[in-house]
Amino acid sequence: MTRTVFCRKLNQELEGLDAPPHPGAKGQDIYENISKQAWQEWLQHQTMLINEKHLNLMDKSARQYLAEQM
């Protein structure tokens, strides 16, 4: 049986993530309130941001920027 959540982004009851995508409180919040569909949309958007802004993920400020956008 799949776990469902009321997705904060899409405003509907959808299939939830299998595990928190990040450690800590932020990851737990995403796990409890964001659907698989919304998370996949974020991953695609994140990829676009990395490519268009030429972000270097070795740079702490780039990682911080992505966390803020999330």
PDB file of N, CA and C in Angstrom:
ATOM      1  N   MET A   1       0.839  -1.184   0.000  1.00  0.00           N
ATOM      2  CA  MET A   1       0.000   0.000   0.000  1.00  0.00           C
ATOM      3  C   MET A   1       0.888   1.253   0.000  1.00  0.00           C
ATOM      4  N   THR A   2       0.571   2.192  -0.836  1.00  0.00           N
ATOM      5  CA  THR A   2       1.369   3.414  -0.930  1.00  0.00           C
ATOM      6  C   THR A   2       0.903   4.436   0.089  1.00  0.00           C
ATOM      7  N   ARG A   3       1.834   5.220   0.533  1.00  0.00           N
ATOM      8  CA  ARG A   3       1.564   6.278   1.501  1.00  0.00           C
ATOM      9  C   ARG A   3       1.105   7.517   0.751  1.00  0.00           C
ATOM     10  N   THR A   4       0.056   8.168   1.243  1.00  0.00           N
ATOM     11  CA  THR A   4      -0.409   9.382   0.604  1.00  0.00           C
ATOM     12  C   THR A   4      -0.232  10.570   1.544  1.00  0.00           C
ATOM     13  N   VAL A   5      -0.083  11.730   0.940  1.00  0.00           N
ATOM     14  CA  VAL A   5       0.040  12.980   1.699  1.00  0.00           C
ATOM     15  C   VAL A   5      -0.830  14.027   1.013  1.00  0.00           C
ATOM     16  N   PHE A   6      -1.255  15.027   1.785  1.00  0.00           N
ATOM     17  CA  PHE A   6      -1.907  16.173   1.157  1.00  0.00           C
ATOM     18  C   PHE A   6      -0.774  17.101   0.747  1.00  0.00           C
ATOM     19  N   CYS A   7      -0.537  17.176  -0.556  1.00  0.00           N
ATOM     20  CA  CYS A   7       0.604  17.921  -1.086  1.00  0.00           C
ATOM     21  C   CYS A   7       0.391  19.422  -0.929  1.00  0.00           C
ATOM     22  N   ARG A   8       1.318  20.053  -0.246  1.00  0.00           N
ATOM     23  CA  ARG A   8       1.278  21.493  -0.006  1.00  0.00           C
ATOM     24  C   ARG A   8       1.402  22.280  -1.312  1.00  0.00           C
ATOM     25  N   LYS A   9       2.164  21.782  -2.256  1.00  0.00           N
ATOM     26  CA  LYS A   9       2.376  22.491  -3.521  1.00  0.00           C
ATOM     27  C   LYS A   9       1.203  22.319  -4.477  1.00  0.00           C
ATOM     28  N   LEU A  10       0.715  21.095  -4.624  1.00  0.00           N
ATOM     29  CA  LEU A  10      -0.322  20.808  -5.617  1.00  0.00           C
ATOM     30  C   LEU A  10      -1.736  20.826  -5.036  1.00  0.00           C
ATOM     31  N   ASN A  11      -1.861  20.974  -3.726  1.00  0.00           N
ATOM     32  CA  ASN A  11      -3.157  21.073  -3.036  1.00  0.00           C
ATOM     33  C   ASN A  11      -4.097  19.911  -3.331  1.00  0.00           C
ATOM     34  N   GLN A  12      -3.540  18.698  -3.263  1.00  0.00           N
ATOM     35  CA  GLN A  12      -4.381  17.516  -3.405  1.00  0.00           C
ATOM     36  C   GLN A  12      -3.705  16.317  -2.753  1.00  0.00           C
ATOM     37  N   GLU A  13      -4.491  15.302  -2.484  1.00  0.00           N
ATOM     38  CA  GLU A  13      -3.998  14.076  -1.873  1.00  0.00           C
ATOM     39  C   GLU A  13      -3.321  13.242  -2.955  1.00  0.00           C
ATOM     40  N   LEU A  14      -2.010  13.000  -2.778  1.00  0.00           N
ATOM     41  CA  LEU A  14      -1.229  12.263  -3.769  1.00  0.00           C
ATOM     42  C   LEU A  14      -0.267  11.313  -3.079  1.00  0.00           C
ATOM     43  N   GLU A  15       0.367  10.463  -3.870  1.00  0.00           N
ATOM     44  CA  GLU A  15       1.354   9.516  -3.345  1.00  0.00           C
ATOM     45  C   GLU A  15       2.536  10.277  -2.756  1.00  0.00           C
ATOM     46  N   GLY A  16       2.954   9.870  -1.547  1.00  0.00           N
ATOM     47  CA  GLY A  16       4.061  10.519  -0.870  1.00  0.00           C
ATOM     48  C   GLY A  16       5.404   9.909  -1.238  1.00  0.00           C
ATOM     49  N   LEU A  17       6.444  10.570  -0.798  1.00  0.00           N
ATOM     50  CA  LEU A  17       7.811  10.077  -1.018  1.00  0.00           C
ATOM     51  C   LEU A  17       8.053   8.814  -0.201  1.00  0.00           C
ATOM     52  N   ASP A  18       9.000   7.997  -0.635  1.00  0.00           N
ATOM     53  CA  ASP A  18       9.328   6.767   0.080  1.00  0.00           C
ATOM     54  C   ASP A  18      10.169   7.025   1.326  1.00  0.00           C
ATOM     55  N   ALA A  19      10.967   8.097   1.302  1.00  0.00           N
ATOM     56  CA  ALA A  19      11.845   8.440   2.423  1.00  0.00           C
ATOM     57  C   ALA A  19      12.124   9.939   2.365  1.00  0.00           C
ATOM     58  N   PRO A  20      12.522  10.542   3.487  1.00  0.00           N
ATOM     59  CA  PRO A  20      12.878  11.970   3.445  1.00  0.00           C
ATOM     60  C   PRO A  20      14.035  12.207   2.474  1.00  0.00           C
ATOM     61  N   PRO A  21      13.936  13.230   1.618  1.00  0.00           N
ATOM     62  CA  PRO A  21      14.972  13.476   0.616  1.00  0.00           C
ATOM     63  C   PRO A  21      16.207  14.186   1.157  1.00  0.00           C
ATOM     64  N   HIS A  22      16.114  14.734   2.359  1.00  0.00           N
ATOM     65  CA  HIS A  22      17.223  15.435   3.005  1.00  0.00           C
ATOM     66  C   HIS A  22      17.229  15.074   4.480  1.00  0.00           C
ATOM     67  N   PRO A  23      18.379  15.168   5.125  1.00  0.00           N
ATOM     68  CA  PRO A  23      18.416  14.929   6.562  1.00  0.00           C
ATOM     69  C   PRO A  23      17.819  16.117   7.320  1.00  0.00           C
ATOM     70  N   GLY A  24      17.426  15.886   8.525  1.00  0.00           N
ATOM     71  CA  GLY A  24      16.985  16.973   9.392  1.00  0.00           C
ATOM     72  C   GLY A  24      15.526  17.344   9.240  1.00  0.00           C
ATOM     73  N   ALA A  25      15.184  18.476   9.854  1.00  0.00           N
ATOM     74  CA  ALA A  25      13.804  18.935   9.920  1.00  0.00           C
ATOM     75  C   ALA A  25      13.238  19.272   8.538  1.00  0.00           C
ATOM     76  N   LYS A  26      14.045  19.885   7.674  1.00  0.00           N
ATOM     77  CA  LYS A  26      13.560  20.255   6.330  1.00  0.00           C
ATOM     78  C   LYS A  26      13.193  19.001   5.534  1.00  0.00           C
ATOM     79  N   GLY A  27      14.021  17.993   5.602  1.00  0.00           N
ATOM     80  CA  GLY A  27      13.738  16.738   4.909  1.00  0.00           C
ATOM     81  C   GLY A  27      12.476  16.072   5.431  1.00  0.00           C
ATOM     82  N   GLN A  28      12.287  16.114   6.747  1.00  0.00           N
ATOM     83  CA  GLN A  28      11.092  15.528   7.350  1.00  0.00           C
ATOM     84  C   GLN A  28       9.844  16.300   6.930  1.00  0.00           C
ATOM     85  N   ASP A  29       9.945  17.622   6.870  1.00  0.00           N
ATOM     86  CA  ASP A  29       8.817  18.454   6.434  1.00  0.00           C
ATOM     87  C   ASP A  29       8.444  18.133   4.983  1.00  0.00           C
ATOM     88  N   ILE A  30       9.434  17.989   4.126  1.00  0.00           N
ATOM     89  CA  ILE A  30       9.183  17.639   2.722  1.00  0.00           C
ATOM     90  C   ILE A  30       8.525  16.268   2.652  1.00  0.00           C
ATOM     91  N   TYR A  31       9.046  15.313   3.403  1.00  0.00           N
ATOM     92  CA  TYR A  31       8.510  13.945   3.421  1.00  0.00           C
ATOM     93  C   TYR A  31       7.038  13.929   3.823  1.00  0.00           C
ATOM     94  N   GLU A  32       6.674  14.749   4.787  1.00  0.00           N
ATOM     95  CA  GLU A  32       5.308  14.740   5.320  1.00  0.00           C
ATOM     96  C   GLU A  32       4.331  15.576   4.494  1.00  0.00           C
ATOM     97  N   ASN A  33       4.825  16.536   3.693  1.00  0.00           N
ATOM     98  CA  ASN A  33       3.915  17.488   3.046  1.00  0.00           C
ATOM     99  C   ASN A  33       4.051  17.640   1.543  1.00  0.00           C
ATOM    100  N   ILE A  34       4.970  16.915   0.918  1.00  0.00           N
ATOM    101  CA  ILE A  34       5.190  17.060  -0.519  1.00  0.00           C
ATOM    102  C   ILE A  34       5.037  15.693  -1.198  1.00  0.00           C
ATOM    103  N   SER A  35       4.330  15.675  -2.320  1.00  0.00           N
ATOM    104  CA  SER A  35       4.086  14.422  -3.040  1.00  0.00           C
ATOM    105  C   SER A  35       5.276  14.060  -3.935  1.00  0.00           C
ATOM    106  N   LYS A  36       5.276  12.812  -4.392  1.00  0.00           N
ATOM    107  CA  LYS A  36       6.305  12.368  -5.338  1.00  0.00           C
ATOM    108  C   LYS A  36       6.272  13.210  -6.601  1.00  0.00           C
ATOM    109  N   GLN A  37       5.076  13.509  -7.082  1.00  0.00           N
ATOM    110  CA  GLN A  37       4.926  14.295  -8.305  1.00  0.00           C
ATOM    111  C   GLN A  37       5.540  15.683  -8.136  1.00  0.00           C
ATOM    112  N   ALA A  38       5.236  16.356  -7.027  1.00  0.00           N
ATOM    113  CA  ALA A  38       5.779  17.698  -6.786  1.00  0.00           C
ATOM    114  C   ALA A  38       7.296  17.635  -6.621  1.00  0.00           C
ATOM    115  N   TRP A  39       7.803  16.583  -5.974  1.00  0.00           N
ATOM    116  CA  TRP A  39       9.247  16.457  -5.789  1.00  0.00           C
ATOM    117  C   TRP A  39       9.943  16.259  -7.133  1.00  0.00           C
ATOM    118  N   GLN A  40       9.345  15.470  -8.023  1.00  0.00           N
ATOM    119  CA  GLN A  40       9.928  15.285  -9.357  1.00  0.00           C
ATOM    120  C   GLN A  40       9.936  16.604 -10.129  1.00  0.00           C
ATOM    121  N   GLU A  41       8.871  17.395  -9.972  1.00  0.00           N
ATOM    122  CA  GLU A  41       8.840  18.709 -10.620  1.00  0.00           C
ATOM    123  C   GLU A  41       9.961  19.597 -10.083  1.00  0.00           C
ATOM    124  N   TRP A  42      10.201  19.532  -8.760  1.00  0.00           N
ATOM    125  CA  TRP A  42      11.290  20.316  -8.180  1.00  0.00           C
ATOM    126  C   TRP A  42      12.640  19.871  -8.741  1.00  0.00           C
ATOM    127  N   LEU A  43      12.862  18.564  -8.841  1.00  0.00           N
ATOM    128  CA  LEU A  43      14.141  18.070  -9.355  1.00  0.00           C
ATOM    129  C   LEU A  43      14.393  18.561 -10.772  1.00  0.00           C
ATOM    130  N   GLN A  44      13.357  18.610 -11.593  1.00  0.00           N
ATOM    131  CA  GLN A  44      13.510  19.125 -12.955  1.00  0.00           C
ATOM    132  C   GLN A  44      13.815  20.622 -12.932  1.00  0.00           C
ATOM    133  N   HIS A  45      13.125  21.348 -12.055  1.00  0.00           N
ATOM    134  CA  HIS A  45      13.355  22.789 -11.939  1.00  0.00           C
ATOM    135  C   HIS A  45      14.768  23.063 -11.411  1.00  0.00           C
ATOM    136  N   GLN A  46      15.195  22.250 -10.437  1.00  0.00           N
ATOM    137  CA  GLN A  46      16.531  22.395  -9.876  1.00  0.00           C
ATOM    138  C   GLN A  46      17.594  22.200 -10.954  1.00  0.00           C
ATOM    139  N   THR A  47      17.408  21.206 -11.790  1.00  0.00           N
ATOM    140  CA  THR A  47      18.340  20.952 -12.890  1.00  0.00           C
ATOM    141  C   THR A  47      18.404  22.149 -13.828  1.00  0.00           C
ATOM    142  N   MET A  48      17.236  22.727 -14.128  1.00  0.00           N
ATOM    143  CA  MET A  48      17.194  23.911 -14.986  1.00  0.00           C
ATOM    144  C   MET A  48      17.954  25.069 -14.334  1.00  0.00           C
ATOM    145  N   LEU A  49      17.759  25.275 -13.025  1.00  0.00           N
ATOM    146  CA  LEU A  49      18.465  26.356 -12.328  1.00  0.00           C
ATOM    147  C   LEU A  49      19.973  26.149 -12.373  1.00  0.00           C
ATOM    148  N   ILE A  50      20.410  24.929 -12.127  1.00  0.00           N
ATOM    149  CA  ILE A  50      21.849  24.619 -12.150  1.00  0.00           C
ATOM    150  C   ILE A  50      22.432  24.925 -13.523  1.00  0.00           C
ATOM    151  N   ASN A  51      21.734  24.508 -14.570  1.00  0.00           N
ATOM    152  CA  ASN A  51      22.241  24.707 -15.930  1.00  0.00           C
ATOM    153  C   ASN A  51      22.198  26.165 -16.359  1.00  0.00           C
ATOM    154  N   GLU A  52      21.066  26.833 -16.137  1.00  0.00           N
ATOM    155  CA  GLU A  52      20.925  28.205 -16.615  1.00  0.00           C
ATOM    156  C   GLU A  52      21.796  29.194 -15.849  1.00  0.00           C
ATOM    157  N   LYS A  53      21.987  28.961 -14.560  1.00  0.00           N
ATOM    158  CA  LYS A  53      22.780  29.884 -13.749  1.00  0.00           C
ATOM    159  C   LYS A  53      24.226  29.414 -13.604  1.00  0.00           C
ATOM    160  N   HIS A  54      24.566  28.307 -14.282  1.00  0.00           N
ATOM    161  CA  HIS A  54      25.929  27.762 -14.251  1.00  0.00           C
ATOM    162  C   HIS A  54      26.416  27.584 -12.802  1.00  0.00           C
ATOM    163  N   LEU A  55      25.564  26.957 -11.981  1.00  0.00           N
ATOM    164  CA  LEU A  55      25.911  26.774 -10.572  1.00  0.00           C
ATOM    165  C   LEU A  55      26.932  25.653 -10.414  1.00  0.00           C
ATOM    166  N   ASN A  56      27.897  25.886  -9.543  1.00  0.00           N
ATOM    167  CA  ASN A  56      28.891  24.885  -9.183  1.00  0.00           C
ATOM    168  C   ASN A  56      28.496  24.375  -7.802  1.00  0.00           C
ATOM    169  N   LEU A  57      28.052  23.126  -7.718  1.00  0.00           N
ATOM    170  CA  LEU A  57      27.556  22.590  -6.455  1.00  0.00           C
ATOM    171  C   LEU A  57      28.657  22.350  -5.430  1.00  0.00           C
ATOM    172  N   MET A  58      29.907  22.540  -5.824  1.00  0.00           N
ATOM    173  CA  MET A  58      30.998  22.493  -4.855  1.00  0.00           C
ATOM    174  C   MET A  58      31.045  23.791  -4.059  1.00  0.00           C
ATOM    175  N   ASP A  59      30.409  24.824  -4.582  1.00  0.00           N
ATOM    176  CA  ASP A  59      30.369  26.135  -3.945  1.00  0.00           C
ATOM    177  C   ASP A  59      29.202  26.180  -2.959  1.00  0.00           C
ATOM    178  N   LYS A  60      29.507  26.510  -1.709  1.00  0.00           N
ATOM    179  CA  LYS A  60      28.490  26.531  -0.661  1.00  0.00           C
ATOM    180  C   LYS A  60      27.366  27.516  -0.975  1.00  0.00           C
ATOM    181  N   SER A  61      27.677  28.651  -1.569  1.00  0.00           N
ATOM    182  CA  SER A  61      26.650  29.640  -1.882  1.00  0.00           C
ATOM    183  C   SER A  61      25.679  29.114  -2.946  1.00  0.00           C
ATOM    184  N   ALA A  62      26.148  28.289  -3.868  1.00  0.00           N
ATOM    185  CA  ALA A  62      25.270  27.689  -4.875  1.00  0.00           C
ATOM    186  C   ALA A  62      24.306  26.701  -4.221  1.00  0.00           C
ATOM    187  N   ARG A  63      24.819  25.897  -3.304  1.00  0.00           N
ATOM    188  CA  ARG A  63      23.960  24.953  -2.587  1.00  0.00           C
ATOM    189  C   ARG A  63      22.948  25.690  -1.728  1.00  0.00           C
ATOM    190  N   GLN A  64      23.377  26.774  -1.127  1.00  0.00           N
ATOM    191  CA  GLN A  64      22.495  27.586  -0.292  1.00  0.00           C
ATOM    192  C   GLN A  64      21.382  28.209  -1.160  1.00  0.00           C
ATOM    193  N   TYR A  65      21.740  28.693  -2.347  1.00  0.00           N
ATOM    194  CA  TYR A  65      20.766  29.261  -3.272  1.00  0.00           C
ATOM    195  C   TYR A  65      19.697  28.213  -3.624  1.00  0.00           C
ATOM    196  N   LEU A  66      20.123  26.994  -3.942  1.00  0.00           N
ATOM    197  CA  LEU A  66      19.162  25.947  -4.285  1.00  0.00           C
ATOM    198  C   LEU A  66      18.263  25.616  -3.097  1.00  0.00           C
ATOM    199  N   ALA A  67      18.811  25.586  -1.906  1.00  0.00           N
ATOM    200  CA  ALA A  67      18.008  25.313  -0.710  1.00  0.00           C
ATOM    201  C   ALA A  67      16.957  26.394  -0.509  1.00  0.00           C
ATOM    202  N   GLU A  68      17.312  27.645  -0.785  1.00  0.00           N
ATOM    203  CA  GLU A  68      16.345  28.742  -0.667  1.00  0.00           C
ATOM    204  C   GLU A  68      15.241  28.607  -1.709  1.00  0.00           C
ATOM    205  N   GLN A  69      15.595  28.194  -2.919  1.00  0.00           N
ATOM    206  CA  GLN A  69      14.607  28.039  -3.977  1.00  0.00           C
ATOM    207  C   GLN A  69      13.655  26.872  -3.703  1.00  0.00           C
ATOM    208  N   MET A  70      14.140  25.878  -2.997  1.00  0.00           N
ATOM    209  CA  MET A  70      13.336  24.707  -2.678  1.00  0.00           C
ATOM    210  C   MET A  70      12.165  25.121  -1.828  1.00  0.00           C
TER     211      MET A  70
END
